[in-house]
Amino acid sequence: MKRIYIAMNPVDAHLLKGVLESEDIKAVVQGEYLWSARGRVPITPDTSPSVWVVDNIDYERAMEVVKEFQSLERISGPEDEDWKCTNCKETNEGQFTECWHCGTPR
């Protein structure tokens, strides 16, 4: 088992775990319970929530998924504008990261 990602918070870790699982890569989140002790426990890579790939054979492929996950634009806030899908030309609301009609990533 190898650590592949140090998360900002438990939600971030579980989002990546879900993405990995959608790619048939088994992963686990560790350190999420220490998150509630922040302020009393120093925040370090060892105490932050992290994602680990279960099978070492999946490590390289998992790292590709992590790289893509990290490069995704974080979308939030009222300033988000509608966008048009490059594949089907459907207009999507700004909070969506993929087209609601065809599933193409933003």
Protein backbone atom coordinates (compact mmCIF):
# COMPACT_ATOMS: atom_id res chain seq x y z
CA MET A 1 0.00 0.00 0.00
CA LYS A 2 1.37 3.43 -0.98
CA ARG A 3 0.30 6.96 -0.12
CA ILE A 4 -0.61 8.87 -3.26
CA TYR A 5 -2.23 12.06 -1.98
CA ILE A 6 -2.23 14.32 1.07
CA ALA A 7 -5.61 16.01 1.28
CA MET A 8 -6.65 19.45 2.48
CA ASN A 9 -9.48 17.87 4.50
CA PRO A 10 -11.41 14.57 4.77
CA VAL A 11 -13.93 15.58 2.10
CA ASP A 12 -11.11 16.21 -0.38
CA ALA A 13 -9.65 12.79 0.42
CA HIS A 14 -12.97 11.00 -0.05
CA LEU A 15 -13.63 12.81 -3.33
CA LEU A 16 -10.36 11.50 -4.73
CA LYS A 17 -11.04 8.03 -3.34
CA GLY A 18 -14.35 8.05 -5.22
CA VAL A 19 -12.65 9.10 -8.44
CA LEU A 20 -10.08 6.32 -8.05
CA GLU A 21 -12.78 3.75 -7.38
CA SER A 22 -14.62 4.87 -10.52
CA GLU A 23 -11.40 3.91 -12.35
CA ASP A 24 -11.39 0.48 -10.62
CA ILE A 25 -8.47 1.44 -8.39
CA LYS A 26 -8.88 0.35 -4.78
CA ALA A 27 -7.97 3.10 -2.33
CA VAL A 28 -8.37 3.93 1.36
CA VAL A 29 -8.45 7.18 3.31
CA GLN A 30 -6.26 7.38 6.39
CA GLY A 31 -5.87 10.11 8.98
CA GLU A 32 -9.38 11.48 8.66
CA TYR A 33 -10.09 10.95 12.36
CA LEU A 34 -7.11 13.09 13.33
CA TRP A 35 -8.76 15.97 11.46
CA SER A 36 -11.08 16.59 14.43
CA ALA A 37 -7.98 17.06 16.64
CA ARG A 38 -6.52 19.85 14.48
CA GLY A 39 -5.36 22.65 16.70
CA ARG A 40 -4.27 20.14 19.33
CA VAL A 41 -2.23 17.99 16.96
CA PRO A 42 0.28 19.58 14.58
CA ILE A 43 -0.83 19.50 10.95
CA THR A 44 1.80 17.57 9.03
CA PRO A 45 1.72 15.16 6.10
CA ASP A 46 1.58 12.36 8.67
CA THR A 47 -1.46 13.77 10.50
CA SER A 48 -3.40 15.12 7.51
CA PRO A 49 -6.03 13.01 5.75
CA SER A 50 -4.39 11.04 2.98
CA VAL A 51 -5.34 8.63 0.23
CA TRP A 52 -3.49 5.37 -0.23
CA VAL A 53 -3.64 2.98 -3.17
CA VAL A 54 -4.24 -0.57 -1.92
CA ASP A 55 -2.49 -2.50 -4.68
CA ASN A 56 1.01 -1.29 -5.52
CA ILE A 57 0.47 -2.47 -9.08
CA ASP A 58 -2.09 0.36 -9.48
CA TYR A 59 0.32 3.04 -8.22
CA GLU A 60 1.35 4.55 -11.59
CA ARG A 61 -2.22 4.66 -12.90
CA ALA A 62 -3.43 6.12 -9.60
CA MET A 63 -0.82 8.87 -9.80
CA GLU A 64 -2.14 9.81 -13.25
CA VAL A 65 -5.64 10.11 -11.75
CA VAL A 66 -4.25 12.23 -8.89
CA LYS A 67 -2.51 14.55 -11.34
CA GLU A 68 -5.76 15.04 -13.26
CA PHE A 69 -7.69 15.49 -9.99
CA GLN A 70 -5.29 18.20 -8.85
CA SER A 71 -5.47 20.03 -12.17
CA LEU A 72 -9.25 20.29 -12.16
CA GLU A 73 -10.49 23.79 -11.70
CA ARG A 74 -12.23 24.18 -8.35
CA ILE A 75 -15.59 25.67 -9.16
CA SER A 76 -17.53 27.63 -6.56
CA GLY A 77 -19.08 30.98 -5.88
CA PRO A 78 -21.55 33.30 -7.58
CA GLU A 79 -18.99 34.55 -10.11
CA ASP A 80 -19.18 31.27 -12.03
CA GLU A 81 -20.50 31.77 -15.51
CA ASP A 82 -22.39 29.36 -17.72
CA TRP A 83 -20.22 27.47 -20.18
CA LYS A 84 -20.77 25.68 -23.46
CA CYS A 85 -19.78 22.05 -23.93
CA THR A 86 -17.09 21.61 -26.57
CA ASN A 87 -18.59 18.26 -27.60
CA CYS A 88 -22.37 18.73 -27.84
CA LYS A 89 -22.57 22.56 -27.57
CA GLU A 90 -25.04 22.32 -24.65
CA THR A 91 -25.04 25.28 -22.23
CA ASN A 92 -24.20 24.26 -18.64
CA GLU A 93 -24.41 26.19 -15.39
CA GLY A 94 -21.08 27.34 -13.95
CA GLN A 95 -21.05 24.95 -10.98
CA PHE A 96 -20.90 21.88 -13.22
CA THR A 97 -17.51 20.34 -14.02
CA GLU A 98 -18.89 18.18 -16.80
CA CYS A 99 -21.69 18.53 -19.30
CA TRP A 100 -25.04 17.45 -17.91
CA HIS A 101 -26.09 16.29 -21.38
CA CYS A 102 -23.14 14.22 -22.65
CA GLY A 103 -20.72 13.99 -19.68
CA THR A 104 -17.78 15.70 -21.39
CA PRO A 105 -15.46 17.37 -18.83
CA ARG A 106 -15.40 21.15 -18.75
